[in-house]
Amino acid sequence: MNSGWETYSPVVDEQTKTEKSPSDSTTLDSPMRVILFNDDIHTFDEVIAQLIKATGCTSSKAEALAWEVHTTGKAVCYEGELSECLRVSGVLEEIGLHTQIEP
């Protein structure tokens, strides 16, 4: 018995099958970055010391990053593989700093 509904098979465009979506390109080893956000709780010295501890950067680089965070509200403080970004973020958050990891 025909219900009036026909069954169709979807047509798949072969070109579309091979295209990557933005989320497909983010893997565990893709370059990522740690964003550090400003707050009104931590002193410059605390932030500078934690940046040095987390990233191994020089004190002058840490000071420049702390100033950028203070004046713009956030700064990229580290770029690398996701596993390293997670480590850096964890060290920064040890003292309650706020971070975000993004591609």
PDB file of N, CA and C in Angstrom:
ATOM      1  N   MET A   1       0.834  -1.165   0.000  1.00  0.00           N
ATOM      2  CA  MET A   1       0.000   0.000   0.000  1.00  0.00           C
ATOM      3  C   MET A   1       0.887   1.240   0.000  1.00  0.00           C
ATOM      4  N   ASN A   2       0.586   2.216  -0.803  1.00  0.00           N
ATOM      5  CA  ASN A   2       1.362   3.425  -0.931  1.00  0.00           C
ATOM      6  C   ASN A   2       0.740   4.489  -0.037  1.00  0.00           C
ATOM      7  N   SER A   3       1.531   5.023   0.907  1.00  0.00           N
ATOM      8  CA  SER A   3       1.015   6.008   1.854  1.00  0.00           C
ATOM      9  C   SER A   3       1.091   7.422   1.309  1.00  0.00           C
ATOM     10  N   GLY A   4       1.602   7.579   0.107  1.00  0.00           N
ATOM     11  CA  GLY A   4       1.753   8.916  -0.447  1.00  0.00           C
ATOM     12  C   GLY A   4       3.117   9.509  -0.177  1.00  0.00           C
ATOM     13  N   TRP A   5       3.889   8.888   0.670  1.00  0.00           N
ATOM     14  CA  TRP A   5       5.245   9.334   0.985  1.00  0.00           C
ATOM     15  C   TRP A   5       6.229   8.483   0.210  1.00  0.00           C
ATOM     16  N   GLU A   6       7.153   9.129  -0.425  1.00  0.00           N
ATOM     17  CA  GLU A   6       8.180   8.401  -1.144  1.00  0.00           C
ATOM     18  C   GLU A   6       9.463   8.439  -0.331  1.00  0.00           C
ATOM     19  N   THR A   7      10.237   7.407  -0.464  1.00  0.00           N
ATOM     20  CA  THR A   7      11.504   7.333   0.242  1.00  0.00           C
ATOM     21  C   THR A   7      12.617   7.754  -0.696  1.00  0.00           C
ATOM     22  N   TYR A   8      13.451   8.663  -0.231  1.00  0.00           N
ATOM     23  CA  TYR A   8      14.580   9.139  -1.022  1.00  0.00           C
ATOM     24  C   TYR A   8      15.873   8.833  -0.272  1.00  0.00           C
ATOM     25  N   SER A   9      16.890   8.509  -1.014  1.00  0.00           N
ATOM     26  CA  SER A   9      18.221   8.346  -0.443  1.00  0.00           C
ATOM     27  C   SER A   9      18.945   9.686  -0.556  1.00  0.00           C
ATOM     28  N   PRO A  10      19.654  10.086   0.470  1.00  0.00           N
ATOM     29  CA  PRO A  10      20.361  11.365   0.391  1.00  0.00           C
ATOM     30  C   PRO A  10      21.474  11.294  -0.653  1.00  0.00           C
ATOM     31  N   VAL A  11      21.688  12.399  -1.314  1.00  0.00           N
ATOM     32  CA  VAL A  11      22.779  12.499  -2.267  1.00  0.00           C
ATOM     33  C   VAL A  11      23.947  13.153  -1.544  1.00  0.00           C
ATOM     34  N   VAL A  12      25.089  12.500  -1.580  1.00  0.00           N
ATOM     35  CA  VAL A  12      26.261  13.004  -0.889  1.00  0.00           C
ATOM     36  C   VAL A  12      27.223  13.569  -1.915  1.00  0.00           C
ATOM     37  N   ASP A  13      27.571  14.805  -1.742  1.00  0.00           N
ATOM     38  CA  ASP A  13      28.544  15.460  -2.607  1.00  0.00           C
ATOM     39  C   ASP A  13      29.931  15.019  -2.155  1.00  0.00           C
ATOM     40  N   GLU A  14      30.673  14.370  -3.011  1.00  0.00           N
ATOM     41  CA  GLU A  14      31.994  13.857  -2.666  1.00  0.00           C
ATOM     42  C   GLU A  14      32.948  14.973  -2.225  1.00  0.00           C
ATOM     43  N   GLN A  15      32.822  16.166  -2.796  1.00  0.00           N
ATOM     44  CA  GLN A  15      33.689  17.275  -2.407  1.00  0.00           C
ATOM     45  C   GLN A  15      33.415  17.685  -0.958  1.00  0.00           C
ATOM     46  N   THR A  16      32.157  17.689  -0.568  1.00  0.00           N
ATOM     47  CA  THR A  16      31.781  18.066   0.785  1.00  0.00           C
ATOM     48  C   THR A  16      32.317  17.067   1.804  1.00  0.00           C
ATOM     49  N   LYS A  17      32.365  15.811   1.441  1.00  0.00           N
ATOM     50  CA  LYS A  17      32.835  14.783   2.363  1.00  0.00           C
ATOM     51  C   LYS A  17      34.281  15.011   2.782  1.00  0.00           C
ATOM     52  N   THR A  18      35.058  15.640   1.932  1.00  0.00           N
ATOM     53  CA  THR A  18      36.471  15.794   2.243  1.00  0.00           C
ATOM     54  C   THR A  18      36.800  17.131   2.903  1.00  0.00           C
ATOM     55  N   GLU A  19      35.860  18.039   2.974  1.00  0.00           N
ATOM     56  CA  GLU A  19      36.122  19.327   3.598  1.00  0.00           C
ATOM     57  C   GLU A  19      36.185  19.171   5.107  1.00  0.00           C
ATOM     58  N   LYS A  20      37.048  19.945   5.719  1.00  0.00           N
ATOM     59  CA  LYS A  20      37.177  19.924   7.174  1.00  0.00           C
ATOM     60  C   LYS A  20      36.369  21.060   7.768  1.00  0.00           C
ATOM     61  N   SER A  21      35.721  20.773   8.862  1.00  0.00           N
ATOM     62  CA  SER A  21      35.078  21.851   9.612  1.00  0.00           C
ATOM     63  C   SER A  21      36.128  22.418  10.560  1.00  0.00           C
ATOM     64  N   PRO A  22      35.925  23.630  11.076  1.00  0.00           N
ATOM     65  CA  PRO A  22      36.922  24.215  11.986  1.00  0.00           C
ATOM     66  C   PRO A  22      37.229  23.328  13.178  1.00  0.00           C
ATOM     67  N   SER A  23      36.233  22.614  13.705  1.00  0.00           N
ATOM     68  CA  SER A  23      36.475  21.777  14.871  1.00  0.00           C
ATOM     69  C   SER A  23      37.299  20.551  14.514  1.00  0.00           C
ATOM     70  N   ASP A  24      37.254  20.097  13.245  1.00  0.00           N
ATOM     71  CA  ASP A  24      38.045  18.951  12.840  1.00  0.00           C
ATOM     72  C   ASP A  24      39.532  19.265  12.832  1.00  0.00           C
ATOM     73  N   SER A  25      39.883  20.515  12.619  1.00  0.00           N
ATOM     74  CA  SER A  25      41.292  20.873  12.500  1.00  0.00           C
ATOM     75  C   SER A  25      41.961  21.038  13.859  1.00  0.00           C
ATOM     76  N   THR A  26      41.197  21.048  14.933  1.00  0.00           N
ATOM     77  CA  THR A  26      41.759  21.195  16.264  1.00  0.00           C
ATOM     78  C   THR A  26      41.982  19.811  16.845  1.00  0.00           C
ATOM     79  N   THR A  27      43.238  19.412  16.918  1.00  0.00           N
ATOM     80  CA  THR A  27      43.580  18.135  17.519  1.00  0.00           C
ATOM     81  C   THR A  27      44.395  18.393  18.763  1.00  0.00           C
ATOM     82  N   LEU A  28      44.746  17.321  19.438  1.00  0.00           N
ATOM     83  CA  LEU A  28      45.509  17.468  20.673  1.00  0.00           C
ATOM     84  C   LEU A  28      46.880  18.074  20.436  1.00  0.00           C
ATOM     85  N   ASP A  29      47.421  17.958  19.222  1.00  0.00           N
ATOM     86  CA  ASP A  29      48.752  18.474  18.948  1.00  0.00           C
ATOM     87  C   ASP A  29      48.745  19.774  18.157  1.00  0.00           C
ATOM     88  N   SER A  30      47.576  20.331  17.877  1.00  0.00           N
ATOM     89  CA  SER A  30      47.504  21.595  17.145  1.00  0.00           C
ATOM     90  C   SER A  30      47.964  22.736  18.034  1.00  0.00           C
ATOM     91  N   PRO A  31      48.520  23.779  17.445  1.00  0.00           N
ATOM     92  CA  PRO A  31      48.915  24.931  18.258  1.00  0.00           C
ATOM     93  C   PRO A  31      47.705  25.535  18.978  1.00  0.00           C
ATOM     94  N   MET A  32      47.854  25.742  20.247  1.00  0.00           N
ATOM     95  CA  MET A  32      46.818  26.344  21.075  1.00  0.00           C
ATOM     96  C   MET A  32      47.453  27.510  21.813  1.00  0.00           C
ATOM     97  N   ARG A  33      46.609  28.297  22.490  1.00  0.00           N
ATOM     98  CA  ARG A  33      47.155  29.411  23.260  1.00  0.00           C
ATOM     99  C   ARG A  33      46.417  29.571  24.573  1.00  0.00           C
ATOM    100  N   VAL A  34      47.150  30.053  25.551  1.00  0.00           N
ATOM    101  CA  VAL A  34      46.594  30.312  26.879  1.00  0.00           C
ATOM    102  C   VAL A  34      46.350  31.813  26.991  1.00  0.00           C
ATOM    103  N   ILE A  35      45.113  32.160  27.308  1.00  0.00           N
ATOM    104  CA  ILE A  35      44.727  33.551  27.515  1.00  0.00           C
ATOM    105  C   ILE A  35      44.655  33.789  29.023  1.00  0.00           C
ATOM    106  N   LEU A  36      45.315  34.833  29.480  1.00  0.00           N
ATOM    107  CA  LEU A  36      45.262  35.232  30.885  1.00  0.00           C
ATOM    108  C   LEU A  36      44.400  36.474  30.995  1.00  0.00           C
ATOM    109  N   PHE A  37      43.448  36.452  31.940  1.00  0.00           N
ATOM    110  CA  PHE A  37      42.509  37.564  32.111  1.00  0.00           C
ATOM    111  C   PHE A  37      42.869  38.407  33.327  1.00  0.00           C
ATOM    112  N   ASN A  38      42.550  39.679  33.237  1.00  0.00           N
ATOM    113  CA  ASN A  38      42.805  40.626  34.325  1.00  0.00           C
ATOM    114  C   ASN A  38      41.865  40.358  35.497  1.00  0.00           C
ATOM    115  N   ASP A  39      42.331  40.678  36.679  1.00  0.00           N
ATOM    116  CA  ASP A  39      41.465  40.679  37.855  1.00  0.00           C
ATOM    117  C   ASP A  39      41.922  41.789  38.794  1.00  0.00           C
ATOM    118  N   ASP A  40      41.119  42.053  39.798  1.00  0.00           N
ATOM    119  CA  ASP A  40      41.428  43.107  40.765  1.00  0.00           C
ATOM    120  C   ASP A  40      41.953  42.538  42.077  1.00  0.00           C
ATOM    121  N   ILE A  41      42.356  41.273  42.038  1.00  0.00           N
ATOM    122  CA  ILE A  41      42.761  40.594  43.269  1.00  0.00           C
ATOM    123  C   ILE A  41      44.279  40.482  43.392  1.00  0.00           C
ATOM    124  N   HIS A  42      44.947  40.097  42.312  1.00  0.00           N
ATOM    125  CA  HIS A  42      46.373  39.808  42.350  1.00  0.00           C
ATOM    126  C   HIS A  42      47.219  41.041  42.043  1.00  0.00           C
ATOM    127  N   THR A  43      48.357  41.115  42.715  1.00  0.00           N
ATOM    128  CA  THR A  43      49.292  42.213  42.468  1.00  0.00           C
ATOM    129  C   THR A  43      50.111  41.907  41.209  1.00  0.00           C
ATOM    130  N   PHE A  44      50.764  42.947  40.691  1.00  0.00           N
ATOM    131  CA  PHE A  44      51.654  42.749  39.544  1.00  0.00           C
ATOM    132  C   PHE A  44      52.740  41.730  39.888  1.00  0.00           C
ATOM    133  N   ASP A  45      53.309  41.843  41.060  1.00  0.00           N
ATOM    134  CA  ASP A  45      54.384  40.931  41.453  1.00  0.00           C
ATOM    135  C   ASP A  45      53.922  39.479  41.492  1.00  0.00           C
ATOM    136  N   GLU A  46      52.704  39.251  41.987  1.00  0.00           N
ATOM    137  CA  GLU A  46      52.167  37.884  42.025  1.00  0.00           C
ATOM    138  C   GLU A  46      51.983  37.329  40.606  1.00  0.00           C
ATOM    139  N   VAL A  47      51.426  38.151  39.731  1.00  0.00           N
ATOM    140  CA  VAL A  47      51.180  37.718  38.353  1.00  0.00           C
ATOM    141  C   VAL A  47      52.501  37.468  37.633  1.00  0.00           C
ATOM    142  N   ILE A  48      53.453  38.366  37.805  1.00  0.00           N
ATOM    143  CA  ILE A  48      54.765  38.224  37.161  1.00  0.00           C
ATOM    144  C   ILE A  48      55.459  36.947  37.630  1.00  0.00           C
ATOM    145  N   ALA A  49      55.454  36.701  38.926  1.00  0.00           N
ATOM    146  CA  ALA A  49      56.093  35.498  39.466  1.00  0.00           C
ATOM    147  C   ALA A  49      55.430  34.232  38.926  1.00  0.00           C
ATOM    148  N   GLN A  50      54.110  34.240  38.832  1.00  0.00           N
ATOM    149  CA  GLN A  50      53.393  33.046  38.362  1.00  0.00           C
ATOM    150  C   GLN A  50      53.602  32.835  36.862  1.00  0.00           C
ATOM    151  N   LEU A  51      53.674  33.923  36.100  1.00  0.00           N
ATOM    152  CA  LEU A  51      53.965  33.798  34.668  1.00  0.00           C
ATOM    153  C   LEU A  51      55.343  33.182  34.444  1.00  0.00           C
ATOM    154  N   ILE A  52      56.319  33.614  35.226  1.00  0.00           N
ATOM    155  CA  ILE A  52      57.667  33.047  35.115  1.00  0.00           C
ATOM    156  C   ILE A  52      57.640  31.565  35.466  1.00  0.00           C
ATOM    157  N   LYS A  53      56.964  31.232  36.547  1.00  0.00           N
ATOM    158  CA  LYS A  53      56.864  29.836  36.981  1.00  0.00           C
ATOM    159  C   LYS A  53      56.157  28.976  35.929  1.00  0.00           C
ATOM    160  N   ALA A  54      55.082  29.504  35.343  1.00  0.00           N
ATOM    161  CA  ALA A  54      54.260  28.730  34.411  1.00  0.00           C
ATOM    162  C   ALA A  54      54.891  28.586  33.036  1.00  0.00           C
ATOM    163  N   THR A  55      55.496  29.671  32.548  1.00  0.00           N
ATOM    164  CA  THR A  55      55.962  29.664  31.160  1.00  0.00           C
ATOM    165  C   THR A  55      57.472  29.603  31.014  1.00  0.00           C
ATOM    166  N   GLY A  56      58.201  29.924  32.075  1.00  0.00           N
ATOM    167  CA  GLY A  56      59.655  29.956  31.985  1.00  0.00           C
ATOM    168  C   GLY A  56      60.181  31.187  31.265  1.00  0.00           C
ATOM    169  N   CYS A  57      59.329  32.199  31.100  1.00  0.00           N
ATOM    170  CA  CYS A  57      59.750  33.422  30.403  1.00  0.00           C
ATOM    171  C   CYS A  57      60.629  34.277  31.318  1.00  0.00           C
ATOM    172  N   THR A  58      61.241  35.283  30.745  1.00  0.00           N
ATOM    173  CA  THR A  58      62.070  36.204  31.522  1.00  0.00           C
ATOM    174  C   THR A  58      61.181  37.127  32.357  1.00  0.00           C
ATOM    175  N   SER A  59      61.786  37.756  33.325  1.00  0.00           N
ATOM    176  CA  SER A  59      61.012  38.681  34.159  1.00  0.00           C
ATOM    177  C   SER A  59      60.527  39.875  33.342  1.00  0.00           C
ATOM    178  N   SER A  60      61.327  40.330  32.368  1.00  0.00           N
ATOM    179  CA  SER A  60      60.875  41.462  31.544  1.00  0.00           C
ATOM    180  C   SER A  60      59.702  41.061  30.653  1.00  0.00           C
ATOM    181  N   LYS A  61      59.701  39.836  30.127  1.00  0.00           N
ATOM    182  CA  LYS A  61      58.575  39.353  29.320  1.00  0.00           C
ATOM    183  C   LYS A  61      57.336  39.201  30.206  1.00  0.00           C
ATOM    184  N   ALA A  62      57.510  38.663  31.401  1.00  0.00           N
ATOM    185  CA  ALA A  62      56.386  38.496  32.329  1.00  0.00           C
ATOM    186  C   ALA A  62      55.801  39.842  32.719  1.00  0.00           C
ATOM    187  N   GLU A  63      56.671  40.827  32.930  1.00  0.00           N
ATOM    188  CA  GLU A  63      56.210  42.169  33.279  1.00  0.00           C
ATOM    189  C   GLU A  63      55.414  42.786  32.125  1.00  0.00           C
ATOM    190  N   ALA A  64      55.902  42.600  30.897  1.00  0.00           N
ATOM    191  CA  ALA A  64      55.183  43.124  29.726  1.00  0.00           C
ATOM    192  C   ALA A  64      53.823  42.446  29.568  1.00  0.00           C
ATOM    193  N   LEU A  65      53.770  41.137  29.804  1.00  0.00           N
ATOM    194  CA  LEU A  65      52.484  40.423  29.721  1.00  0.00           C
ATOM    195  C   LEU A  65      51.526  40.901  30.809  1.00  0.00           C
ATOM    196  N   ALA A  66      52.038  41.069  32.026  1.00  0.00           N
ATOM    197  CA  ALA A  66      51.190  41.543  33.130  1.00  0.00           C
ATOM    198  C   ALA A  66      50.629  42.926  32.808  1.00  0.00           C
ATOM    199  N   TRP A  67      51.444  43.779  32.221  1.00  0.00           N
ATOM    200  CA  TRP A  67      50.981  45.120  31.856  1.00  0.00           C
ATOM    201  C   TRP A  67      49.914  45.042  30.771  1.00  0.00           C
ATOM    202  N   GLU A  68      50.109  44.162  29.777  1.00  0.00           N
ATOM    203  CA  GLU A  68      49.112  43.997  28.718  1.00  0.00           C
ATOM    204  C   GLU A  68      47.790  43.492  29.284  1.00  0.00           C
ATOM    205  N   VAL A  69      47.861  42.526  30.185  1.00  0.00           N
ATOM    206  CA  VAL A  69      46.651  42.014  30.832  1.00  0.00           C
ATOM    207  C   VAL A  69      45.949  43.131  31.592  1.00  0.00           C
ATOM    208  N   HIS A  70      46.718  43.926  32.306  1.00  0.00           N
ATOM    209  CA  HIS A  70      46.156  45.017  33.107  1.00  0.00           C
ATOM    210  C   HIS A  70      45.484  46.081  32.236  1.00  0.00           C
ATOM    211  N   THR A  71      46.110  46.437  31.124  1.00  0.00           N
ATOM    212  CA  THR A  71      45.601  47.538  30.303  1.00  0.00           C
ATOM    213  C   THR A  71      44.534  47.120  29.296  1.00  0.00           C
ATOM    214  N   THR A  72      44.582  45.879  28.812  1.00  0.00           N
ATOM    215  CA  THR A  72      43.609  45.449  27.790  1.00  0.00           C
ATOM    216  C   THR A  72      42.579  44.459  28.312  1.00  0.00           C
ATOM    217  N   GLY A  73      42.818  43.924  29.497  1.00  0.00           N
ATOM    218  CA  GLY A  73      41.871  42.971  30.072  1.00  0.00           C
ATOM    219  C   GLY A  73      42.244  41.521  29.865  1.00  0.00           C
ATOM    220  N   LYS A  74      43.147  41.260  28.906  1.00  0.00           N
ATOM    221  CA  LYS A  74      43.591  39.886  28.676  1.00  0.00           C
ATOM    222  C   LYS A  74      44.819  39.909  27.775  1.00  0.00           C
ATOM    223  N   ALA A  75      45.526  38.773  27.751  1.00  0.00           N
ATOM    224  CA  ALA A  75      46.695  38.651  26.875  1.00  0.00           C
ATOM    225  C   ALA A  75      46.979  37.178  26.627  1.00  0.00           C
ATOM    226  N   VAL A  76      47.520  36.894  25.453  1.00  0.00           N
ATOM    227  CA  VAL A  76      48.010  35.551  25.162  1.00  0.00           C
ATOM    228  C   VAL A  76      49.347  35.426  25.876  1.00  0.00           C
ATOM    229  N   CYS A  77      49.428  34.514  26.832  1.00  0.00           N
ATOM    230  CA  CYS A  77      50.664  34.390  27.599  1.00  0.00           C
ATOM    231  C   CYS A  77      51.475  33.162  27.224  1.00  0.00           C
ATOM    232  N   TYR A  78      50.881  32.259  26.430  1.00  0.00           N
ATOM    233  CA  TYR A  78      51.614  31.068  26.021  1.00  0.00           C
ATOM    234  C   TYR A  78      50.964  30.484  24.780  1.00  0.00           C
ATOM    235  N   GLU A  79      51.788  29.962  23.864  1.00  0.00           N
ATOM    236  CA  GLU A  79      51.303  29.241  22.688  1.00  0.00           C
ATOM    237  C   GLU A  79      52.071  27.944  22.573  1.00  0.00           C
ATOM    238  N   GLY A  80      51.351  26.858  22.266  1.00  0.00           N
ATOM    239  CA  GLY A  80      51.998  25.556  22.126  1.00  0.00           C
ATOM    240  C   GLY A  80      50.980  24.446  22.014  1.00  0.00           C
ATOM    241  N   GLU A  81      51.436  23.226  22.233  1.00  0.00           N
ATOM    242  CA  GLU A  81      50.562  22.065  22.168  1.00  0.00           C
ATOM    243  C   GLU A  81      49.588  22.091  23.345  1.00  0.00           C
ATOM    244  N   LEU A  82      48.448  21.442  23.147  1.00  0.00           N
ATOM    245  CA  LEU A  82      47.398  21.446  24.166  1.00  0.00           C
ATOM    246  C   LEU A  82      47.911  20.960  25.512  1.00  0.00           C
ATOM    247  N   SER A  83      48.700  19.911  25.522  1.00  0.00           N
ATOM    248  CA  SER A  83      49.186  19.370  26.795  1.00  0.00           C
ATOM    249  C   SER A  83      50.010  20.407  27.570  1.00  0.00           C
ATOM    250  N   GLU A  84      50.842  21.170  26.867  1.00  0.00           N
ATOM    251  CA  GLU A  84      51.627  22.213  27.518  1.00  0.00           C
ATOM    252  C   GLU A  84      50.742  23.372  27.951  1.00  0.00           C
ATOM    253  N   CYS A  85      49.764  23.715  27.126  1.00  0.00           N
ATOM    254  CA  CYS A  85      48.825  24.786  27.494  1.00  0.00           C
ATOM    255  C   CYS A  85      48.054  24.417  28.754  1.00  0.00           C
ATOM    256  N   LEU A  86      47.667  23.172  28.867  1.00  0.00           N
ATOM    257  CA  LEU A  86      46.961  22.715  30.069  1.00  0.00           C
ATOM    258  C   LEU A  86      47.867  22.837  31.296  1.00  0.00           C
ATOM    259  N   ARG A  87      49.139  22.500  31.135  1.00  0.00           N
ATOM    260  CA  ARG A  87      50.089  22.623  32.243  1.00  0.00           C
ATOM    261  C   ARG A  87      50.270  24.079  32.649  1.00  0.00           C
ATOM    262  N   VAL A  88      50.496  24.946  31.663  1.00  0.00           N
ATOM    263  CA  VAL A  88      50.694  26.381  31.936  1.00  0.00           C
ATOM    264  C   VAL A  88      49.457  26.962  32.605  1.00  0.00           C
ATOM    265  N   SER A  89      48.294  26.650  32.070  1.00  0.00           N
ATOM    266  CA  SER A  89      47.036  27.143  32.635  1.00  0.00           C
ATOM    267  C   SER A  89      46.880  26.678  34.087  1.00  0.00           C
ATOM    268  N   GLY A  90      47.215  25.433  34.340  1.00  0.00           N
ATOM    269  CA  GLY A  90      47.119  24.887  35.698  1.00  0.00           C
ATOM    270  C   GLY A  90      48.019  25.614  36.680  1.00  0.00           C
ATOM    271  N   VAL A  91      49.229  25.926  36.252  1.00  0.00           N
ATOM    272  CA  VAL A  91      50.164  26.653  37.133  1.00  0.00           C
ATOM    273  C   VAL A  91      49.636  28.061  37.408  1.00  0.00           C
ATOM    274  N   LEU A  92      49.133  28.733  36.379  1.00  0.00           N
ATOM    275  CA  LEU A  92      48.579  30.084  36.584  1.00  0.00           C
ATOM    276  C   LEU A  92      47.375  30.048  37.516  1.00  0.00           C
ATOM    277  N   GLU A  93      46.562  29.020  37.387  1.00  0.00           N
ATOM    278  CA  GLU A  93      45.351  28.924  38.208  1.00  0.00           C
ATOM    279  C   GLU A  93      45.628  28.476  39.637  1.00  0.00           C
ATOM    280  N   GLU A  94      46.860  28.026  39.917  1.00  0.00           N
ATOM    281  CA  GLU A  94      47.222  27.640  41.290  1.00  0.00           C
ATOM    282  C   GLU A  94      46.973  28.766  42.282  1.00  0.00           C
ATOM    283  N   ILE A  95      47.156  29.998  41.840  1.00  0.00           N
ATOM    284  CA  ILE A  95      46.951  31.138  42.752  1.00  0.00           C
ATOM    285  C   ILE A  95      45.630  31.858  42.470  1.00  0.00           C
ATOM    286  N   GLY A  96      44.793  31.261  41.640  1.00  0.00           N
ATOM    287  CA  GLY A  96      43.478  31.827  41.377  1.00  0.00           C
ATOM    288  C   GLY A  96      43.398  32.758  40.189  1.00  0.00           C
ATOM    289  N   LEU A  97      44.429  32.762  39.328  1.00  0.00           N
ATOM    290  CA  LEU A  97      44.337  33.549  38.101  1.00  0.00           C
ATOM    291  C   LEU A  97      43.343  32.881  37.156  1.00  0.00           C
ATOM    292  N   HIS A  98      42.707  33.668  36.319  1.00  0.00           N
ATOM    293  CA  HIS A  98      41.707  33.143  35.388  1.00  0.00           C
ATOM    294  C   HIS A  98      42.316  33.025  34.000  1.00  0.00           C
ATOM    295  N   THR A  99      42.187  31.820  33.413  1.00  0.00           N
ATOM    296  CA  THR A  99      42.745  31.559  32.093  1.00  0.00           C
ATOM    297  C   THR A  99      41.719  30.879  31.201  1.00  0.00           C
ATOM    298  N   GLN A 100      42.051  30.853  29.936  1.00  0.00           N
ATOM    299  CA  GLN A 100      41.235  30.150  28.945  1.00  0.00           C
ATOM    300  C   GLN A 100      42.195  29.609  27.891  1.00  0.00           C
ATOM    301  N   ILE A 101      41.923  28.407  27.392  1.00  0.00           N
ATOM    302  CA  ILE A 101      42.724  27.826  26.325  1.00  0.00           C
ATOM    303  C   ILE A 101      41.882  27.826  25.063  1.00  0.00           C
ATOM    304  N   GLU A 102      42.469  28.309  23.970  1.00  0.00           N
ATOM    305  CA  GLU A 102      41.741  28.361  22.702  1.00  0.00           C
ATOM    306  C   GLU A 102      42.695  28.116  21.539  1.00  0.00           C
ATOM    307  N   PRO A 103      42.117  27.719  20.388  1.00  0.00           N
ATOM    308  CA  PRO A 103      42.954  27.497  19.202  1.00  0.00           C
ATOM    309  C   PRO A 103      43.502  28.794  18.642  1.00  0.00           C
TER     310      PRO A 103
END
